[in-house]
N, C-alpha and C. Protein backbone atom coordinates (compact mmCIF):
# COMPACT_ATOMS: atom_id res chain seq x y z
N MET A 1 -3.75 -14.16 13.64
CA MET A 1 -4.38 -12.81 13.16
C MET A 1 -5.77 -12.81 12.49
N GLU A 2 -6.52 -12.14 13.17
CA GLU A 2 -7.89 -12.05 12.96
C GLU A 2 -8.16 -10.96 11.92
N THR A 3 -9.45 -12.02 11.19
CA THR A 3 -9.70 -10.98 9.87
C THR A 3 -11.28 -10.95 9.91
N ARG A 4 -11.66 -9.89 9.73
CA ARG A 4 -13.50 -9.90 9.78
C ARG A 4 -14.26 -9.01 8.53
N SER A 5 -14.80 -9.40 8.45
CA SER A 5 -15.60 -8.52 6.87
C SER A 5 -16.51 -7.84 7.41
N SER A 6 -16.65 -6.42 6.83
CA SER A 6 -17.54 -5.19 7.17
C SER A 6 -18.97 -6.19 6.81
N SER A 7 -20.02 -6.21 7.93
CA SER A 7 -21.06 -6.41 7.98
C SER A 7 -22.29 -6.21 6.86
N LYS A 8 -22.66 -4.70 7.03
CA LYS A 8 -23.15 -4.31 6.13
C LYS A 8 -23.01 -4.07 4.70
N GLU A 9 -23.84 -4.76 3.53
CA GLU A 9 -23.37 -4.86 2.04
C GLU A 9 -24.79 -3.60 1.80
N LYS A 10 -24.28 -2.81 0.86
CA LYS A 10 -24.69 -1.94 -0.32
C LYS A 10 -24.91 -2.23 -1.62
N GLY A 11 -25.57 -2.00 -2.12
CA GLY A 11 -25.62 -1.74 -3.91
C GLY A 11 -24.31 -1.35 -4.52
N ASN A 12 -23.32 -2.21 -4.33
CA ASN A 12 -22.30 -1.94 -4.92
C ASN A 12 -22.05 -2.72 -6.53
N LYS A 13 -20.98 -1.42 -7.29
CA LYS A 13 -20.87 -2.16 -8.82
C LYS A 13 -19.33 -2.86 -8.18
N GLU A 14 -18.78 -3.34 -9.25
CA GLU A 14 -17.70 -4.14 -9.40
C GLU A 14 -16.55 -3.04 -8.35
N LEU A 15 -16.30 -3.53 -7.38
CA LEU A 15 -15.70 -2.78 -6.85
C LEU A 15 -14.04 -3.70 -6.15
N ASN A 16 -13.07 -2.54 -6.47
CA ASN A 16 -12.00 -3.36 -5.96
C ASN A 16 -11.89 -4.25 -4.50
N ARG A 17 -12.32 -5.29 -4.37
CA ARG A 17 -12.85 -5.85 -2.99
C ARG A 17 -11.70 -6.56 -2.27
N ALA A 18 -10.23 -6.66 -2.86
CA ALA A 18 -9.29 -6.88 -2.31
C ALA A 18 -8.58 -5.91 -1.32
N ILE A 19 -9.58 -4.82 -0.94
CA ILE A 19 -9.05 -3.90 -0.10
C ILE A 19 -9.30 -4.38 1.26
N LYS A 20 -8.26 -4.01 2.23
CA LYS A 20 -8.73 -4.14 3.77
C LYS A 20 -7.60 -3.32 4.62
N LEU A 21 -8.18 -3.20 5.93
CA LEU A 21 -7.18 -2.15 6.84
C LEU A 21 -6.44 -3.57 7.53
N GLU A 22 -5.37 -2.93 7.88
CA GLU A 22 -4.36 -3.48 8.93
C GLU A 22 -4.38 -2.96 9.72
N VAL A 23 -4.28 -3.55 11.23
CA VAL A 23 -4.40 -2.64 12.43
C VAL A 23 -2.40 -2.95 12.43
N LEU A 24 -1.82 -1.87 12.81
CA LEU A 24 -0.27 -2.02 13.42
C LEU A 24 0.10 -1.72 14.21
N SER A 25 -0.75 -1.07 15.24
CA SER A 25 -0.56 -1.04 16.49
C SER A 25 -1.90 -0.83 17.29
N GLY A 26 -2.02 -0.92 18.64
CA GLY A 26 -3.05 -0.38 19.54
C GLY A 26 -3.27 -1.95 20.36
N PRO A 27 -4.58 -1.91 20.94
CA PRO A 27 -5.30 -2.71 21.22
C PRO A 27 -5.35 -3.90 20.60
N MET A 28 -5.68 -3.90 19.03
CA MET A 28 -6.35 -4.75 18.22
C MET A 28 -4.95 -5.17 16.79
N ASP A 29 -3.96 -4.94 17.75
CA ASP A 29 -2.44 -4.83 16.58
C ASP A 29 -2.49 -6.80 15.75
N GLY A 30 -2.40 -6.60 14.93
CA GLY A 30 -2.67 -7.56 13.89
C GLY A 30 -3.86 -8.33 13.37
N SER A 31 -5.16 -7.18 13.87
CA SER A 31 -6.09 -7.77 13.16
C SER A 31 -6.66 -7.22 11.79
N GLU A 32 -7.03 -7.67 11.15
CA GLU A 32 -7.51 -7.22 9.64
C GLU A 32 -9.26 -6.91 9.24
N PHE A 33 -9.78 -5.97 8.75
CA PHE A 33 -10.86 -6.15 8.29
C PHE A 33 -10.86 -6.09 6.71
N SER A 34 -11.99 -6.65 6.25
CA SER A 34 -11.95 -6.34 4.62
C SER A 34 -13.05 -5.29 4.66
N ILE A 35 -12.77 -4.40 3.60
CA ILE A 35 -13.73 -3.16 3.29
C ILE A 35 -14.77 -3.80 2.17
N GLN A 36 -16.14 -3.56 2.53
CA GLN A 36 -17.15 -4.47 1.43
C GLN A 36 -18.24 -3.66 0.94
N GLN A 37 -17.93 -2.23 1.35
CA GLN A 37 -18.71 -1.18 0.70
C GLN A 37 -18.74 -0.19 0.32
N ASP A 38 -19.49 0.77 -0.37
CA ASP A 38 -19.12 1.99 -0.59
C ASP A 38 -18.74 2.81 0.77
N ILE A 39 -19.35 2.86 2.05
CA ILE A 39 -19.01 3.59 2.92
C ILE A 39 -18.65 2.56 4.09
N THR A 40 -17.63 2.87 4.68
CA THR A 40 -17.24 1.93 5.84
C THR A 40 -17.03 2.72 7.19
N THR A 41 -17.69 2.63 8.15
CA THR A 41 -17.94 3.16 9.18
C THR A 41 -17.10 2.67 10.55
N ILE A 42 -15.97 3.05 11.02
CA ILE A 42 -15.04 2.66 12.32
C ILE A 42 -15.34 3.27 13.40
N GLY A 43 -15.22 2.73 14.56
CA GLY A 43 -15.61 3.37 15.61
C GLY A 43 -15.13 2.35 17.12
N ARG A 44 -15.50 2.93 18.26
CA ARG A 44 -16.05 1.61 19.30
C ARG A 44 -16.91 1.11 19.23
N GLY A 45 -18.29 1.72 18.89
CA GLY A 45 -19.81 1.98 18.99
C GLY A 45 -20.09 0.16 18.00
N GLU A 46 -20.89 -0.26 18.16
CA GLU A 46 -21.31 -2.05 18.08
C GLU A 46 -21.69 -1.19 16.50
N LYS A 47 -22.35 -0.21 16.22
CA LYS A 47 -23.17 -0.36 14.50
C LYS A 47 -22.09 0.22 14.01
N ASN A 48 -21.03 -0.05 14.01
CA ASN A 48 -19.90 0.43 13.21
C ASN A 48 -19.67 -0.59 12.07
N ASP A 49 -19.29 -0.37 10.93
CA ASP A 49 -19.01 -1.55 10.34
C ASP A 49 -17.63 -2.28 10.63
N ILE A 50 -16.74 -1.68 11.08
CA ILE A 50 -15.41 -1.82 11.69
C ILE A 50 -15.72 -1.51 13.26
N THR A 51 -15.32 -2.33 14.12
CA THR A 51 -15.62 -1.92 15.69
C THR A 51 -14.01 -2.35 16.00
N LEU A 52 -13.65 -1.31 16.93
CA LEU A 52 -12.54 -1.13 17.75
C LEU A 52 -12.69 -0.81 19.25
N PRO A 53 -13.61 -2.08 19.94
CA PRO A 53 -13.79 -1.56 20.84
C PRO A 53 -12.95 -1.52 22.36
N PHE A 54 -11.98 -1.33 22.36
CA PHE A 54 -11.05 -1.91 23.16
C PHE A 54 -9.89 -0.46 23.50
N ASP A 55 -9.59 0.66 22.38
CA ASP A 55 -9.06 1.40 22.66
C ASP A 55 -10.10 2.44 22.76
N ARG A 56 -10.08 3.18 23.99
CA ARG A 56 -10.54 4.14 24.98
C ARG A 56 -10.56 5.33 24.14
N LEU A 57 -9.36 5.75 23.33
CA LEU A 57 -9.39 7.04 22.68
C LEU A 57 -9.92 7.11 21.72
N ILE A 58 -10.74 6.28 20.85
CA ILE A 58 -11.28 6.43 19.73
C ILE A 58 -13.04 6.40 20.14
N SER A 59 -13.77 7.24 19.60
CA SER A 59 -15.05 7.08 19.84
C SER A 59 -15.96 6.58 19.45
N GLY A 60 -17.51 6.66 19.80
CA GLY A 60 -18.38 5.57 19.20
C GLY A 60 -18.44 5.22 17.89
N TYR A 61 -18.32 7.28 16.99
CA TYR A 61 -18.13 6.78 15.68
C TYR A 61 -17.41 7.76 15.42
N HIS A 62 -16.07 7.17 14.96
CA HIS A 62 -15.08 8.18 14.97
C HIS A 62 -14.70 8.30 13.48
N SER A 63 -14.52 7.78 12.73
CA SER A 63 -14.14 8.16 11.29
C SER A 63 -15.25 6.95 10.30
N LYS A 64 -14.82 7.57 8.97
CA LYS A 64 -15.18 6.69 7.80
C LYS A 64 -14.45 6.80 6.78
N ILE A 65 -14.38 5.06 6.15
CA ILE A 65 -13.88 5.47 4.67
C ILE A 65 -14.87 5.26 3.57
N THR A 66 -14.99 6.37 2.28
CA THR A 66 -16.12 6.11 1.54
C THR A 66 -15.42 5.97 0.37
N PHE A 67 -15.64 5.03 -1.07
CA PHE A 67 -15.16 4.57 -2.21
C PHE A 67 -16.04 5.77 -2.79
N GLU A 68 -15.55 6.39 -3.59
CA GLU A 68 -16.24 7.39 -4.23
C GLU A 68 -15.71 7.77 -5.78
N ASN A 69 -16.16 7.55 -6.81
CA ASN A 69 -15.41 8.06 -8.19
C ASN A 69 -13.89 7.04 -8.53
N ASP A 70 -13.95 5.91 -8.02
CA ASP A 70 -12.63 5.29 -8.22
C ASP A 70 -11.46 5.54 -7.02
N TYR A 71 -12.13 6.24 -6.22
CA TYR A 71 -10.92 6.70 -5.14
C TYR A 71 -11.44 6.45 -3.79
N TYR A 72 -10.66 5.72 -2.82
CA TYR A 72 -11.07 5.94 -1.19
C TYR A 72 -10.80 7.23 -0.67
N TRP A 73 -11.83 7.61 0.29
CA TRP A 73 -11.37 8.78 0.98
C TRP A 73 -11.69 8.40 2.51
N LEU A 74 -10.69 8.90 3.03
CA LEU A 74 -10.71 8.99 4.92
C LEU A 74 -11.08 10.47 5.20
N GLU A 75 -12.24 10.08 6.04
CA GLU A 75 -13.05 11.46 7.25
C GLU A 75 -13.07 11.59 8.52
N ASP A 76 -12.70 12.33 9.41
CA ASP A 76 -12.98 12.20 10.40
C ASP A 76 -14.56 12.53 10.95
N ALA A 77 -15.14 11.89 11.87
CA ALA A 77 -16.56 12.01 12.15
C ALA A 77 -16.92 12.79 13.08
N GLY A 78 -16.01 13.78 13.17
CA GLY A 78 -16.24 14.97 14.44
C GLY A 78 -15.85 13.96 15.77
N SER A 79 -14.72 13.30 15.77
CA SER A 79 -14.66 12.67 16.91
C SER A 79 -13.49 13.53 17.71
N ARG A 80 -13.59 12.83 18.99
CA ARG A 80 -12.93 13.84 20.19
C ARG A 80 -11.44 14.21 19.87
N ASN A 81 -10.71 13.10 19.72
CA ASN A 81 -9.38 13.12 19.85
C ASN A 81 -9.04 12.73 17.99
N GLY A 82 -9.48 13.30 17.29
CA GLY A 82 -9.05 12.95 15.62
C GLY A 82 -8.79 11.78 14.99
N THR A 83 -8.70 12.06 14.01
CA THR A 83 -7.74 11.10 12.74
C THR A 83 -6.55 11.76 12.42
N TYR A 84 -5.42 10.76 12.09
CA TYR A 84 -4.36 11.09 11.51
C TYR A 84 -3.60 10.86 10.71
N ILE A 85 -3.22 11.51 9.83
CA ILE A 85 -2.66 10.60 8.44
C ILE A 85 -1.18 11.36 8.68
N GLU A 86 -0.22 10.74 8.79
CA GLU A 86 1.67 11.13 9.25
C GLU A 86 1.79 12.38 9.91
N GLY A 87 0.87 12.35 10.77
CA GLY A 87 1.02 12.70 12.07
C GLY A 87 0.35 14.10 12.27
N GLU A 88 -0.34 14.33 11.06
CA GLU A 88 -1.33 15.31 11.08
C GLU A 88 -2.90 15.44 10.99
N LYS A 89 -3.45 15.86 11.76
CA LYS A 89 -4.75 15.81 11.90
C LYS A 89 -5.56 16.14 10.41
N ILE A 90 -6.95 15.42 10.26
CA ILE A 90 -7.12 15.75 9.37
C ILE A 90 -8.50 16.53 9.64
N ASN A 91 -9.07 17.54 8.91
CA ASN A 91 -9.99 18.37 9.21
C ASN A 91 -10.97 18.39 7.81
N SER A 92 -10.61 17.42 6.91
CA SER A 92 -11.87 17.40 5.86
C SER A 92 -11.36 15.75 4.85
N ARG A 93 -12.31 15.60 4.22
CA ARG A 93 -12.39 14.63 4.04
C ARG A 93 -10.60 14.47 2.93
N VAL A 94 -10.02 13.35 3.15
CA VAL A 94 -8.52 12.96 2.19
C VAL A 94 -8.93 11.78 1.27
N LYS A 95 -7.93 11.59 0.32
CA LYS A 95 -8.00 10.91 -0.36
C LYS A 95 -6.87 9.82 0.28
N ILE A 96 -7.34 8.68 0.31
CA ILE A 96 -6.13 8.11 0.17
C ILE A 96 -5.95 6.60 -0.60
N ALA A 97 -4.82 5.95 -0.33
CA ALA A 97 -4.40 4.54 -1.46
C ALA A 97 -4.05 3.54 -0.37
N SER A 98 -3.59 2.59 -1.62
CA SER A 98 -3.10 1.61 -0.78
C SER A 98 -1.60 2.01 0.23
N GLU A 99 -1.07 1.40 1.02
CA GLU A 99 -0.40 1.72 1.91
C GLU A 99 -0.18 3.10 2.54
N THR A 100 -1.57 3.80 2.88
CA THR A 100 -1.82 4.67 3.39
C THR A 100 -1.86 4.21 5.19
N ILE A 101 -1.22 4.76 6.01
CA ILE A 101 -1.01 4.72 7.00
C ILE A 101 -1.71 5.62 7.99
N PHE A 102 -3.19 5.34 8.89
CA PHE A 102 -3.34 6.57 9.21
C PHE A 102 -4.00 6.10 10.89
N LYS A 103 -4.14 7.12 11.75
CA LYS A 103 -4.10 6.77 13.36
C LYS A 103 -5.36 7.17 13.99
N LEU A 104 -6.35 6.36 14.51
CA LEU A 104 -7.24 7.05 15.45
C LEU A 104 -7.21 6.39 16.82
N GLY A 105 -7.04 7.35 17.53
CA GLY A 105 -6.58 6.88 19.42
C GLY A 105 -5.45 6.26 19.04
N LYS A 106 -5.14 5.10 20.10
CA LYS A 106 -3.66 4.41 19.93
C LYS A 106 -3.82 3.29 18.63
N THR A 107 -4.53 3.77 18.09
CA THR A 107 -4.62 2.53 17.20
C THR A 107 -4.39 3.17 15.44
N GLU A 108 -3.11 2.50 15.16
CA GLU A 108 -2.63 2.58 13.75
C GLU A 108 -3.00 1.58 12.54
N MET A 109 -3.55 2.55 11.32
CA MET A 109 -3.98 1.23 10.69
C MET A 109 -3.16 1.65 9.16
N ARG A 110 -3.41 0.76 8.37
CA ARG A 110 -2.58 0.66 7.01
C ARG A 110 -3.88 0.01 6.10
N LEU A 111 -4.30 0.89 5.00
CA LEU A 111 -5.19 0.14 3.49
C LEU A 111 -4.49 -0.24 3.07
N ILE A 112 -4.40 -1.64 2.53
CA ILE A 112 -3.72 -2.42 1.60
C ILE A 112 -4.74 -2.84 0.74
N ASN A 113 -4.05 -2.87 -0.42
CA ASN A 113 -4.71 -3.77 -1.81
C ASN A 113 -4.13 -5.01 -1.40
N SER A 114 -4.71 -6.00 -0.93
CA SER A 114 -4.37 -7.59 -1.24
C SER A 114 -3.97 -8.15 -2.21
N ALA A 115 -4.83 -7.55 -3.63
CA ALA A 115 -4.15 -7.93 -4.58
C ALA A 115 -2.85 -7.72 -5.41
N ASP A 116 -2.35 -6.26 -4.84
CA ASP A 116 -1.02 -5.75 -5.03
C ASP A 116 -0.34 -7.34 -4.89
């Protein structure tokens, strides 16, 4: 199982950094990514914090997870194929919690708090 840390460190207060994204299905099934900053970008492009290069249905810059006011938020970044939670396409920023499962392209991911 591959574990990668997001690369861009921004000025953070003490965040619960036991938060990770686990890939449940798709070309990178079994991978895990740490969330280390207030804004984490996800997409196929190399400049994203989390890069998913093998899923051709994921846009170059597909979505982002933001930590704000003690909550995590998932937002589609205007991707071609959308971002889904429980089979429903999200059209605005949505609050997510540990164990939330969402889908980008063929890739299903789960937000996990590894401190639980």
